[in-house]
Amino acid sequence: MESNVLLANPVQQSSANGAVFRIAAGEYSAAFTSRGAALSELQWAGRDLVVPFDPDLPIPDYRGIIAAPWPNRIADGAYRWEGVVQHLPLNEPDRGTALHGLVFDRLWDVEKHCADSLILRCEIEPSKGYPGPLLLVAEYRIDADGLHTTVTASNPGVGRVPYGVCPHPYLVAGPAPLDEWTLHLDAAEFLDVTPDRLLPLGLRPVDGHPFDFRATKNIGATEIDHAFTSIAADITDTSELTITDPSGSHVGMRWDASCKWLQIHTADKPDAAISRRGLAVEPMTCPPDAFNSGTSLIALEPGAAHSASWTIFGG
């Protein structure tokens, strides 16, 4: 496709992660790298809403990337599709899983760049472990209500392909430590996982569990790296999560009905200096290991397309 690059903002080349694109409107501003279509910075009124990363260094912890054509993990990198057992590369060798899809380390092409919007695209060819092909388009737009993202996948091939998607931002509520932030998420169930490989065991109700954030409460020392579901939605079928700092500042996400699952991770690390710096909030179209379970998995037919949208906002 012919490029339609409108240089309303300068594009800065980054040796590690391709081009860096900036967009802004009102009190919001954001930056992205072409590698992974990753959100490297998002601010509201000069305050960070996500944990940023230096675009001249490797992207840490998949920060800000688009995870597709699957979110989270596939056990052993193996699954059966259309009667054929597929084997994906294991990029999380300690857990023996294929993690966060095939495009987080790819350089996406720019389709359009304006002062307040950016469109990036990436094509996946058939390869070892994924039947493909698949075309992904990530559209970012800023307005007075926040940063809006829509990822659309289309299948230009002749066979069905399995598909799922999520973003991977680490949200920042304010200057206090994460343990002091409060979280509100009206989700009735979470997916229990194995402690060693974080692979699904089964759904559990949040009733009586530390993961019950249906009434706003402090995160405290709770460690979370789990998918939630049965999430309440408003009359527009939009769901929402909000985290608030003791200072009163807050950050949140809204997502549409395509994302029935939400991964939350408190980003716990052995090194206290880099641990729990932000809360990973990942609206997902399907849960971990969906290529094997089939739960909420999208079977994208030839010529079909699928879109998922979410918004990050602050205050």
C-alpha atoms as a PDB file:
ATOM      1  CA  MET A   1       0.000   0.000   0.000  1.00  0.00           C
ATOM      2  CA  GLU A   2       1.230   3.472  -0.821  1.00  0.00           C
ATOM      3  CA  SER A   3       2.417   5.354   2.258  1.00  0.00           C
ATOM      4  CA  ASN A   4       0.468   8.459   3.292  1.00  0.00           C
ATOM      5  CA  VAL A   5       2.851  10.072   5.785  1.00  0.00           C
ATOM      6  CA  LEU A   6       1.843  13.551   6.898  1.00  0.00           C
ATOM      7  CA  LEU A   7       4.779  15.025   8.764  1.00  0.00           C
ATOM      8  CA  ALA A   8       2.874  17.351  11.064  1.00  0.00           C
ATOM      9  CA  ASN A   9       5.329  16.237  13.738  1.00  0.00           C
ATOM     10  CA  PRO A  10       8.983  15.334  13.194  1.00  0.00           C
ATOM     11  CA  VAL A  11       9.886  11.661  13.043  1.00  0.00           C
ATOM     12  CA  GLN A  12      13.026  10.873  14.999  1.00  0.00           C
ATOM     13  CA  GLN A  13      15.022   7.796  14.022  1.00  0.00           C
ATOM     14  CA  SER A  14      15.926   5.443  16.861  1.00  0.00           C
ATOM     15  CA  SER A  15      18.735   2.951  16.394  1.00  0.00           C
ATOM     16  CA  ALA A  16      17.084   0.365  18.631  1.00  0.00           C
ATOM     17  CA  ASN A  17      13.411   0.585  17.732  1.00  0.00           C
ATOM     18  CA  GLY A  18      13.008   2.175  14.331  1.00  0.00           C
ATOM     19  CA  ALA A  19      11.185   5.490  14.015  1.00  0.00           C
ATOM     20  CA  VAL A  20       9.680   7.385  16.935  1.00  0.00           C
ATOM     21  CA  PHE A  21       6.345   9.120  16.330  1.00  0.00           C
ATOM     22  CA  ARG A  22       4.770  11.790  18.534  1.00  0.00           C
ATOM     23  CA  ILE A  23       1.149  12.883  18.639  1.00  0.00           C
ATOM     24  CA  ALA A  24      -0.674  15.318  20.914  1.00  0.00           C
ATOM     25  CA  ALA A  25      -3.991  17.074  21.533  1.00  0.00           C
ATOM     26  CA  GLY A  26      -5.165  19.174  24.450  1.00  0.00           C
ATOM     27  CA  GLU A  27      -3.347  18.091  27.602  1.00  0.00           C
ATOM     28  CA  TYR A  28      -2.419  14.657  26.226  1.00  0.00           C
ATOM     29  CA  SER A  29       0.775  13.709  24.400  1.00  0.00           C
ATOM     30  CA  ALA A  30       2.134  10.316  23.355  1.00  0.00           C
ATOM     31  CA  ALA A  31       5.103   8.717  21.640  1.00  0.00           C
ATOM     32  CA  PHE A  32       5.369   5.400  19.811  1.00  0.00           C
ATOM     33  CA  THR A  33       8.083   3.274  18.277  1.00  0.00           C
ATOM     34  CA  SER A  34       7.661   1.453  15.008  1.00  0.00           C
ATOM     35  CA  ARG A  35       9.028  -1.653  16.728  1.00  0.00           C
ATOM     36  CA  GLY A  36       6.033  -3.432  18.184  1.00  0.00           C
ATOM     37  CA  ALA A  37       3.804  -0.414  17.444  1.00  0.00           C
ATOM     38  CA  ALA A  38       4.724   0.279  21.062  1.00  0.00           C
ATOM     39  CA  LEU A  39       3.480   3.118  23.247  1.00  0.00           C
ATOM     40  CA  SER A  40       6.744   4.457  24.690  1.00  0.00           C
ATOM     41  CA  GLU A  41       5.280   7.471  26.506  1.00  0.00           C
ATOM     42  CA  LEU A  42       1.876   8.880  27.428  1.00  0.00           C
ATOM     43  CA  GLN A  43       1.356  12.031  29.454  1.00  0.00           C
ATOM     44  CA  TRP A  44      -1.565  14.075  30.660  1.00  0.00           C
ATOM     45  CA  ALA A  45      -0.801  17.657  31.787  1.00  0.00           C
ATOM     46  CA  GLY A  46       2.886  16.716  31.885  1.00  0.00           C
ATOM     47  CA  ARG A  47       2.338  13.673  34.139  1.00  0.00           C
ATOM     48  CA  ASP A  48       3.188  10.136  33.072  1.00  0.00           C
ATOM     49  CA  LEU A  49       0.157   7.877  32.645  1.00  0.00           C
ATOM     50  CA  VAL A  50       2.287   4.868  31.655  1.00  0.00           C
ATOM     51  CA  VAL A  51       5.754   3.713  32.631  1.00  0.00           C
ATOM     52  CA  PRO A  52       7.837   5.110  29.743  1.00  0.00           C
ATOM     53  CA  PHE A  53      10.826   3.526  28.074  1.00  0.00           C
ATOM     54  CA  ASP A  54      13.832   4.957  26.264  1.00  0.00           C
ATOM     55  CA  PRO A  55      13.256   4.308  22.539  1.00  0.00           C
ATOM     56  CA  ASP A  56      17.011   4.100  22.012  1.00  0.00           C
ATOM     57  CA  LEU A  57      17.203   1.021  24.250  1.00  0.00           C
ATOM     58  CA  PRO A  58      15.577  -2.414  23.920  1.00  0.00           C
ATOM     59  CA  ILE A  59      11.922  -2.390  24.978  1.00  0.00           C
ATOM     60  CA  PRO A  60      11.782  -3.715  28.561  1.00  0.00           C
ATOM     61  CA  ASP A  61       9.154  -6.242  29.668  1.00  0.00           C
ATOM     62  CA  TYR A  62       7.140  -5.921  26.422  1.00  0.00           C
ATOM     63  CA  ARG A  63       6.217  -2.438  27.632  1.00  0.00           C
ATOM     64  CA  GLY A  64       3.587  -0.764  25.450  1.00  0.00           C
ATOM     65  CA  ILE A  65       3.653  -3.314  22.614  1.00  0.00           C
ATOM     66  CA  ILE A  66       0.734  -4.775  20.675  1.00  0.00           C
ATOM     67  CA  ALA A  67       0.495  -8.512  21.420  1.00  0.00           C
ATOM     68  CA  ALA A  68      -0.907 -10.364  18.380  1.00  0.00           C
ATOM     69  CA  PRO A  69      -1.950 -12.771  16.926  1.00  0.00           C
ATOM     70  CA  TRP A  70      -2.277 -14.012  20.478  1.00  0.00           C
ATOM     71  CA  PRO A  71      -2.049 -12.359  23.900  1.00  0.00           C
ATOM     72  CA  ASN A  72      -0.232 -13.893  26.846  1.00  0.00           C
ATOM     73  CA  ARG A  73       1.069 -17.485  26.690  1.00  0.00           C
ATOM     74  CA  ILE A  74       0.711 -20.627  24.606  1.00  0.00           C
ATOM     75  CA  ALA A  75       1.825 -23.713  26.546  1.00  0.00           C
ATOM     76  CA  ASP A  76       4.897 -25.361  24.989  1.00  0.00           C
ATOM     77  CA  GLY A  77       4.332 -23.163  21.910  1.00  0.00           C
ATOM     78  CA  ALA A  78       2.176 -25.983  20.524  1.00  0.00           C
ATOM     79  CA  TYR A  79      -1.441 -26.144  19.416  1.00  0.00           C
ATOM     80  CA  ARG A  80      -3.615 -27.917  16.858  1.00  0.00           C
ATOM     81  CA  TRP A  81      -5.259 -25.903  14.091  1.00  0.00           C
ATOM     82  CA  GLU A  82      -7.317 -27.334  11.244  1.00  0.00           C
ATOM     83  CA  GLY A  83      -6.004 -30.792  12.120  1.00  0.00           C
ATOM     84  CA  VAL A  84      -2.329 -29.764  12.012  1.00  0.00           C
ATOM     85  CA  VAL A  85      -0.137 -29.497  15.109  1.00  0.00           C
ATOM     86  CA  GLN A  86       1.725 -26.182  15.017  1.00  0.00           C
ATOM     87  CA  HIS A  87       4.951 -25.460  16.902  1.00  0.00           C
ATOM     88  CA  LEU A  88       5.879 -21.859  17.727  1.00  0.00           C
ATOM     89  CA  PRO A  89       9.282 -20.635  18.915  1.00  0.00           C
ATOM     90  CA  LEU A  90       9.542 -20.514  22.717  1.00  0.00           C
ATOM     91  CA  ASN A  91      10.465 -16.936  23.590  1.00  0.00           C
ATOM     92  CA  GLU A  92       9.801 -17.530  27.296  1.00  0.00           C
ATOM     93  CA  PRO A  93      12.120 -20.518  27.747  1.00  0.00           C
ATOM     94  CA  ASP A  94      12.040 -20.553  31.561  1.00  0.00           C
ATOM     95  CA  ARG A  95       8.314 -21.313  31.405  1.00  0.00           C
ATOM     96  CA  GLY A  96       8.385 -23.184  28.105  1.00  0.00           C
ATOM     97  CA  THR A  97       5.846 -20.905  26.427  1.00  0.00           C
ATOM     98  CA  ALA A  98       5.346 -18.751  23.348  1.00  0.00           C
ATOM     99  CA  LEU A  99       4.603 -15.297  24.719  1.00  0.00           C
ATOM    100  CA  HIS A 100       2.783 -12.222  23.318  1.00  0.00           C
ATOM    101  CA  GLY A 101       2.527 -13.121  19.664  1.00  0.00           C
ATOM    102  CA  LEU A 102       4.663 -12.502  16.591  1.00  0.00           C
ATOM    103  CA  VAL A 103       4.816  -8.737  16.109  1.00  0.00           C
ATOM    104  CA  PHE A 104       6.193  -7.244  19.344  1.00  0.00           C
ATOM    105  CA  ASP A 105       9.716  -7.196  17.887  1.00  0.00           C
ATOM    106  CA  ARG A 106       8.734  -6.356  14.295  1.00  0.00           C
ATOM    107  CA  LEU A 107       9.177  -2.919  12.741  1.00  0.00           C
ATOM    108  CA  TRP A 108       5.689  -1.795  11.731  1.00  0.00           C
ATOM    109  CA  ASP A 109       5.232   0.393   8.654  1.00  0.00           C
ATOM    110  CA  VAL A 110       3.785   3.872   8.960  1.00  0.00           C
ATOM    111  CA  GLU A 111       0.621   4.421   6.953  1.00  0.00           C
ATOM    112  CA  LYS A 112      -0.317   7.871   8.261  1.00  0.00           C
ATOM    113  CA  HIS A 113       1.113  10.297  10.816  1.00  0.00           C
ATOM    114  CA  CYS A 114      -0.659  13.520  11.766  1.00  0.00           C
ATOM    115  CA  ALA A 115      -0.454  15.883  14.720  1.00  0.00           C
ATOM    116  CA  ASP A 116      -3.042  13.936  16.716  1.00  0.00           C
ATOM    117  CA  SER A 117      -3.071  10.472  15.118  1.00  0.00           C
ATOM    118  CA  LEU A 118      -0.902   7.645  13.859  1.00  0.00           C
ATOM    119  CA  ILE A 119      -1.616   4.520  11.815  1.00  0.00           C
ATOM    120  CA  LEU A 120       0.887   1.659  11.704  1.00  0.00           C
ATOM    121  CA  ARG A 121       0.592  -1.656   9.875  1.00  0.00           C
ATOM    122  CA  CYS A 122       2.295  -5.035   9.939  1.00  0.00           C
ATOM    123  CA  GLU A 123       1.900  -8.097   7.751  1.00  0.00           C
ATOM    124  CA  ILE A 124       2.380 -11.623   9.064  1.00  0.00           C
ATOM    125  CA  GLU A 125       3.311 -14.217   6.477  1.00  0.00           C
ATOM    126  CA  PRO A 126       2.687 -17.948   6.928  1.00  0.00           C
ATOM    127  CA  SER A 127       5.546 -19.308   9.002  1.00  0.00           C
ATOM    128  CA  LYS A 128       6.608 -22.099  11.289  1.00  0.00           C
ATOM    129  CA  GLY A 129       3.906 -22.301  13.919  1.00  0.00           C
ATOM    130  CA  TYR A 130       1.359 -19.890  12.398  1.00  0.00           C
ATOM    131  CA  PRO A 131      -0.716 -20.591   9.282  1.00  0.00           C
ATOM    132  CA  GLY A 132      -1.118 -16.914   8.272  1.00  0.00           C
ATOM    133  CA  PRO A 133      -1.222 -14.621   6.417  1.00  0.00           C
ATOM    134  CA  LEU A 134      -2.576 -11.766   8.538  1.00  0.00           C
ATOM    135  CA  LEU A 135      -2.623  -7.984   8.153  1.00  0.00           C
ATOM    136  CA  LEU A 136      -2.613  -5.896  11.335  1.00  0.00           C
ATOM    137  CA  VAL A 137      -3.388  -2.175  11.461  1.00  0.00           C
ATOM    138  CA  ALA A 138      -2.979  -0.178  14.701  1.00  0.00           C
ATOM    139  CA  GLU A 139      -4.683   3.211  14.758  1.00  0.00           C
ATOM    140  CA  TYR A 140      -3.814   5.650  17.549  1.00  0.00           C
ATOM    141  CA  ARG A 141      -5.735   8.888  18.098  1.00  0.00           C
ATOM    142  CA  ILE A 142      -5.606  11.522  20.842  1.00  0.00           C
ATOM    143  CA  ASP A 143      -8.379  13.911  21.836  1.00  0.00           C
ATOM    144  CA  ALA A 144      -9.643  15.555  25.006  1.00  0.00           C
ATOM    145  CA  ASP A 145     -10.853  12.168  26.304  1.00  0.00           C
ATOM    146  CA  GLY A 146      -7.493  10.384  26.105  1.00  0.00           C
ATOM    147  CA  LEU A 147      -5.519   8.066  23.852  1.00  0.00           C
ATOM    148  CA  HIS A 148      -7.762   5.861  21.719  1.00  0.00           C
ATOM    149  CA  THR A 149      -6.450   2.703  20.061  1.00  0.00           C
ATOM    150  CA  THR A 150      -8.066   0.377  17.551  1.00  0.00           C
ATOM    151  CA  VAL A 151      -6.309  -2.721  16.242  1.00  0.00           C
ATOM    152  CA  THR A 152      -7.833  -4.329  13.172  1.00  0.00           C
ATOM    153  CA  ALA A 153      -6.781  -7.731  11.858  1.00  0.00           C
ATOM    154  CA  SER A 154      -7.781  -8.894   8.391  1.00  0.00           C
ATOM    155  CA  ASN A 155      -7.224 -12.242   6.719  1.00  0.00           C
ATOM    156  CA  PRO A 156      -6.095 -11.940   3.070  1.00  0.00           C
ATOM    157  CA  GLY A 157      -5.480 -15.679   2.792  1.00  0.00           C
ATOM    158  CA  VAL A 158      -7.537 -18.682   1.701  1.00  0.00           C
ATOM    159  CA  GLY A 159      -7.826 -20.472   5.059  1.00  0.00           C
ATOM    160  CA  ARG A 160      -8.984 -19.642   8.573  1.00  0.00           C
ATOM    161  CA  VAL A 161      -6.391 -18.374  11.063  1.00  0.00           C
ATOM    162  CA  PRO A 162      -6.512 -18.256  14.878  1.00  0.00           C
ATOM    163  CA  TYR A 163      -6.402 -14.772  16.357  1.00  0.00           C
ATOM    164  CA  GLY A 164      -6.336 -12.775  19.575  1.00  0.00           C
ATOM    165  CA  VAL A 165      -4.914  -9.397  20.596  1.00  0.00           C
ATOM    166  CA  CYS A 166      -4.154  -7.114  23.532  1.00  0.00           C
ATOM    167  CA  PRO A 167      -2.115  -4.013  24.395  1.00  0.00           C
ATOM    168  CA  HIS A 168       0.601  -4.103  27.062  1.00  0.00           C
ATOM    169  CA  PRO A 169       0.841  -0.725  28.856  1.00  0.00           C
ATOM    170  CA  TYR A 170       1.990  -0.317  32.454  1.00  0.00           C
ATOM    171  CA  LEU A 171      -0.287   2.333  33.956  1.00  0.00           C
ATOM    172  CA  VAL A 172       0.883   4.908  36.514  1.00  0.00           C
ATOM    173  CA  ALA A 173      -1.661   6.456  38.877  1.00  0.00           C
ATOM    174  CA  GLY A 174       0.660   9.035  40.419  1.00  0.00           C
ATOM    175  CA  PRO A 175       3.842   9.596  42.437  1.00  0.00           C
ATOM    176  CA  ALA A 176       3.129   7.217  45.331  1.00  0.00           C
ATOM    177  CA  PRO A 177       4.248   3.562  45.259  1.00  0.00           C
ATOM    178  CA  LEU A 178       1.911   1.057  43.596  1.00  0.00           C
ATOM    179  CA  ASP A 179       1.093  -0.486  46.984  1.00  0.00           C
ATOM    180  CA  GLU A 180      -0.622   2.782  47.949  1.00  0.00           C
ATOM    181  CA  TRP A 181      -2.782   3.023  44.845  1.00  0.00           C
ATOM    182  CA  THR A 182      -6.438   2.024  44.935  1.00  0.00           C
ATOM    183  CA  LEU A 183      -7.945  -0.124  42.196  1.00  0.00           C
ATOM    184  CA  HIS A 184     -11.497  -0.422  40.964  1.00  0.00           C
ATOM    185  CA  LEU A 185     -12.405  -3.278  38.621  1.00  0.00           C
ATOM    186  CA  ASP A 186     -15.905  -4.740  38.567  1.00  0.00           C
ATOM    187  CA  ALA A 187     -14.895  -8.295  37.599  1.00  0.00           C
ATOM    188  CA  ALA A 188     -16.588 -11.310  39.170  1.00  0.00           C
ATOM    189  CA  GLU A 189     -14.122 -14.045  38.137  1.00  0.00           C
ATOM    190  CA  PHE A 190     -10.414 -14.575  37.574  1.00  0.00           C
ATOM    191  CA  LEU A 191      -8.419 -17.320  35.889  1.00  0.00           C
ATOM    192  CA  ASP A 192      -6.326 -19.275  38.372  1.00  0.00           C
ATOM    193  CA  VAL A 193      -2.904 -20.293  37.018  1.00  0.00           C
ATOM    194  CA  THR A 194      -0.052 -22.610  37.867  1.00  0.00           C
ATOM    195  CA  PRO A 195       2.541 -20.865  40.078  1.00  0.00           C
ATOM    196  CA  ASP A 196       5.517 -21.928  37.970  1.00  0.00           C
ATOM    197  CA  ARG A 197       4.368 -21.456  34.350  1.00  0.00           C
ATOM    198  CA  LEU A 198       1.335 -19.178  34.819  1.00  0.00           C
ATOM    199  CA  LEU A 199      -0.801 -21.500  32.688  1.00  0.00           C
ATOM    200  CA  PRO A 200      -4.582 -21.718  33.198  1.00  0.00           C
ATOM    201  CA  LEU A 201      -6.103 -24.004  35.814  1.00  0.00           C
ATOM    202  CA  GLY A 202      -9.688 -22.773  35.836  1.00  0.00           C
ATOM    203  CA  LEU A 203     -12.005 -19.909  36.682  1.00  0.00           C
ATOM    204  CA  ARG A 204     -12.539 -18.851  40.284  1.00  0.00           C
ATOM    205  CA  PRO A 205     -14.953 -16.311  41.766  1.00  0.00           C
ATOM    206  CA  VAL A 206     -13.370 -13.234  43.331  1.00  0.00           C
ATOM    207  CA  ASP A 207     -15.744 -13.451  46.323  1.00  0.00           C
ATOM    208  CA  GLY A 208     -13.685 -13.499  49.496  1.00  0.00           C
ATOM    209  CA  HIS A 209     -10.420 -13.359  47.533  1.00  0.00           C
ATOM    210  CA  PRO A 210      -7.766 -10.588  47.579  1.00  0.00           C
ATOM    211  CA  PHE A 211      -8.507 -10.133  43.850  1.00  0.00           C
ATOM    212  CA  ASP A 212     -11.973  -8.734  44.581  1.00  0.00           C
ATOM    213  CA  PHE A 213     -11.745  -5.095  43.479  1.00  0.00           C
ATOM    214  CA  ARG A 214     -15.452  -4.619  42.732  1.00  0.00           C
ATOM    215  CA  ALA A 215     -15.423  -2.103  45.562  1.00  0.00           C
ATOM    216  CA  THR A 216     -12.459   0.256  45.292  1.00  0.00           C
ATOM    217  CA  LYS A 217      -9.631  -0.754  47.616  1.00  0.00           C
ATOM    218  CA  ASN A 218      -5.878  -0.484  48.034  1.00  0.00           C
ATOM    219  CA  ILE A 219      -3.722  -2.844  46.014  1.00  0.00           C
ATOM    220  CA  GLY A 220      -1.353  -3.137  48.968  1.00  0.00           C
ATOM    221  CA  ALA A 221       1.186  -5.962  48.754  1.00  0.00           C
ATOM    222  CA  THR A 222      -1.105  -8.165  46.634  1.00  0.00           C
ATOM    223  CA  GLU A 223       0.763  -9.776  43.731  1.00  0.00           C
ATOM    224  CA  ILE A 224      -1.318 -10.201  40.589  1.00  0.00           C
ATOM    225  CA  ASP A 225      -0.510 -11.749  37.216  1.00  0.00           C
ATOM    226  CA  HIS A 226      -3.926 -13.085  36.276  1.00  0.00           C
ATOM    227  CA  ALA A 227      -6.724 -12.699  33.756  1.00  0.00           C
ATOM    228  CA  PHE A 228     -10.114 -11.455  34.942  1.00  0.00           C
ATOM    229  CA  THR A 229     -13.473 -11.954  33.264  1.00  0.00           C
ATOM    230  CA  SER A 230     -17.224 -11.569  33.884  1.00  0.00           C
ATOM    231  CA  ILE A 231     -16.506  -7.842  33.840  1.00  0.00           C
ATOM    232  CA  ALA A 232     -19.361  -5.376  34.202  1.00  0.00           C
ATOM    233  CA  ALA A 233     -20.118  -3.091  31.256  1.00  0.00           C
ATOM    234  CA  ASP A 234     -22.196   0.045  30.775  1.00  0.00           C
ATOM    235  CA  ILE A 235     -25.079   0.482  28.336  1.00  0.00           C
ATOM    236  CA  THR A 236     -22.601   0.974  25.471  1.00  0.00           C
ATOM    237  CA  ASP A 237     -20.965  -2.403  26.293  1.00  0.00           C
ATOM    238  CA  THR A 238     -17.827  -0.599  27.502  1.00  0.00           C
ATOM    239  CA  SER A 239     -15.903  -1.780  30.562  1.00  0.00           C
ATOM    240  CA  GLU A 240     -13.537   0.271  32.705  1.00  0.00           C
ATOM    241  CA  LEU A 241     -10.695   0.031  35.215  1.00  0.00           C
ATOM    242  CA  THR A 242      -9.386   2.931  37.312  1.00  0.00           C
ATOM    243  CA  ILE A 243      -6.393   3.234  39.618  1.00  0.00           C
ATOM    244  CA  THR A 244      -5.984   6.237  41.914  1.00  0.00           C
ATOM    245  CA  ASP A 245      -2.995   7.701  43.739  1.00  0.00           C
ATOM    246  CA  PRO A 246      -3.318   9.031  47.314  1.00  0.00           C
ATOM    247  CA  SER A 247      -2.725  12.500  45.831  1.00  0.00           C
ATOM    248  CA  GLY A 248      -6.003  12.187  43.928  1.00  0.00           C
ATOM    249  CA  SER A 249      -4.486  11.757  40.473  1.00  0.00           C
ATOM    250  CA  HIS A 250      -5.706   8.754  38.523  1.00  0.00           C
ATOM    251  CA  VAL A 251      -5.362   6.771  35.320  1.00  0.00           C
ATOM    252  CA  GLY A 252      -7.745   4.333  33.739  1.00  0.00           C
ATOM    253  CA  MET A 253      -8.660   2.250  30.729  1.00  0.00           C
ATOM    254  CA  ARG A 254     -11.904   1.631  28.884  1.00  0.00           C
ATOM    255  CA  TRP A 255     -12.361  -1.142  26.345  1.00  0.00           C
ATOM    256  CA  ASP A 256     -15.084  -2.417  24.068  1.00  0.00           C
ATOM    257  CA  ALA A 257     -17.048  -5.662  24.092  1.00  0.00           C
ATOM    258  CA  SER A 258     -14.484  -7.449  21.903  1.00  0.00           C
ATOM    259  CA  CYS A 259     -12.278  -7.776  25.002  1.00  0.00           C
ATOM    260  CA  LYS A 260     -14.004 -10.123  27.450  1.00  0.00           C
ATOM    261  CA  TRP A 261     -10.795 -10.693  29.398  1.00  0.00           C
ATOM    262  CA  LEU A 262      -8.402  -8.394  31.262  1.00  0.00           C
ATOM    263  CA  GLN A 263      -4.894  -9.323  32.348  1.00  0.00           C
ATOM    264  CA  ILE A 264      -3.540  -7.417  35.343  1.00  0.00           C
ATOM    265  CA  HIS A 265       0.064  -7.658  36.477  1.00  0.00           C
ATOM    266  CA  THR A 266       1.628  -5.840  39.403  1.00  0.00           C
ATOM    267  CA  ALA A 267       5.029  -6.167  37.702  1.00  0.00           C
ATOM    268  CA  ASP A 268       6.771  -7.837  40.612  1.00  0.00           C
ATOM    269  CA  LYS A 269      10.544  -8.202  40.178  1.00  0.00           C
ATOM    270  CA  PRO A 270      13.309  -9.683  42.340  1.00  0.00           C
ATOM    271  CA  ASP A 271      15.087  -6.309  42.192  1.00  0.00           C
ATOM    272  CA  ALA A 272      13.119  -3.915  44.401  1.00  0.00           C
ATOM    273  CA  ALA A 273      14.492  -0.919  42.491  1.00  0.00           C
ATOM    274  CA  ILE A 274      12.532  -1.860  39.350  1.00  0.00           C
ATOM    275  CA  SER A 275       9.670  -3.822  40.916  1.00  0.00           C
ATOM    276  CA  ARG A 276       6.015  -2.682  40.915  1.00  0.00           C
ATOM    277  CA  ARG A 277       6.689   0.534  38.977  1.00  0.00           C
ATOM    278  CA  GLY A 278       3.355   0.346  37.163  1.00  0.00           C
ATOM    279  CA  LEU A 279       0.278  -1.811  36.801  1.00  0.00           C
ATOM    280  CA  ALA A 280       0.110  -3.754  33.539  1.00  0.00           C
ATOM    281  CA  VAL A 281      -3.473  -3.536  32.269  1.00  0.00           C
ATOM    282  CA  GLU A 282      -4.202  -5.627  29.175  1.00  0.00           C
ATOM    283  CA  PRO A 283      -7.721  -5.882  27.704  1.00  0.00           C
ATOM    284  CA  MET A 284      -7.633  -9.216  25.842  1.00  0.00           C
ATOM    285  CA  THR A 285      -9.935 -10.758  23.270  1.00  0.00           C
ATOM    286  CA  CYS A 286      -9.094 -14.195  24.660  1.00  0.00           C
ATOM    287  CA  PRO A 287      -7.440 -15.644  27.776  1.00  0.00           C
ATOM    288  CA  PRO A 288      -3.984 -17.224  28.134  1.00  0.00           C
ATOM    289  CA  ASP A 289      -3.444 -20.428  26.108  1.00  0.00           C
ATOM    290  CA  ALA A 290      -6.620 -19.842  24.070  1.00  0.00           C
ATOM    291  CA  PHE A 291      -4.995 -21.460  21.025  1.00  0.00           C
ATOM    292  CA  ASN A 292      -5.320 -24.717  22.974  1.00  0.00           C
ATOM    293  CA  SER A 293      -8.495 -24.192  25.008  1.00  0.00           C
ATOM    294  CA  GLY A 294     -10.405 -22.418  22.236  1.00  0.00           C
ATOM    295  CA  THR A 295     -11.919 -20.086  24.843  1.00  0.00           C
ATOM    296  CA  SER A 296     -12.971 -16.802  23.185  1.00  0.00           C
ATOM    297  CA  LEU A 297     -10.563 -17.588  20.346  1.00  0.00           C
ATOM    298  CA  ILE A 298     -11.313 -15.820  17.073  1.00  0.00           C
ATOM    299  CA  ALA A 299     -11.263 -17.992  13.950  1.00  0.00           C
ATOM    300  CA  LEU A 300     -10.699 -15.356  11.304  1.00  0.00           C
ATOM    301  CA  GLU A 301     -12.217 -16.443   8.011  1.00  0.00           C
ATOM    302  CA  PRO A 302     -10.685 -15.586   4.608  1.00  0.00           C
ATOM    303  CA  GLY A 303     -11.589 -12.004   3.697  1.00  0.00           C
ATOM    304  CA  ALA A 304     -12.856 -11.262   7.223  1.00  0.00           C
ATOM    305  CA  ALA A 305     -11.659  -8.604   9.651  1.00  0.00           C
ATOM    306  CA  HIS A 306     -11.797  -8.109  13.413  1.00  0.00           C
ATOM    307  CA  SER A 307     -11.356  -4.895  15.428  1.00  0.00           C
ATOM    308  CA  ALA A 308     -10.749  -4.267  19.123  1.00  0.00           C
ATOM    309  CA  SER A 309     -10.580  -0.844  20.776  1.00  0.00           C
ATOM    310  CA  TRP A 310      -9.466   0.651  24.087  1.00  0.00           C
ATOM    311  CA  THR A 311      -8.747   4.061  25.612  1.00  0.00           C
ATOM    312  CA  ILE A 312      -6.283   5.253  28.261  1.00  0.00           C
ATOM    313  CA  PHE A 313      -7.323   8.368  30.168  1.00  0.00           C
ATOM    314  CA  GLY A 314      -5.972  10.369  33.083  1.00  0.00           C
ATOM    315  CA  GLY A 315      -6.861  13.074  35.528  1.00  0.00           C
END
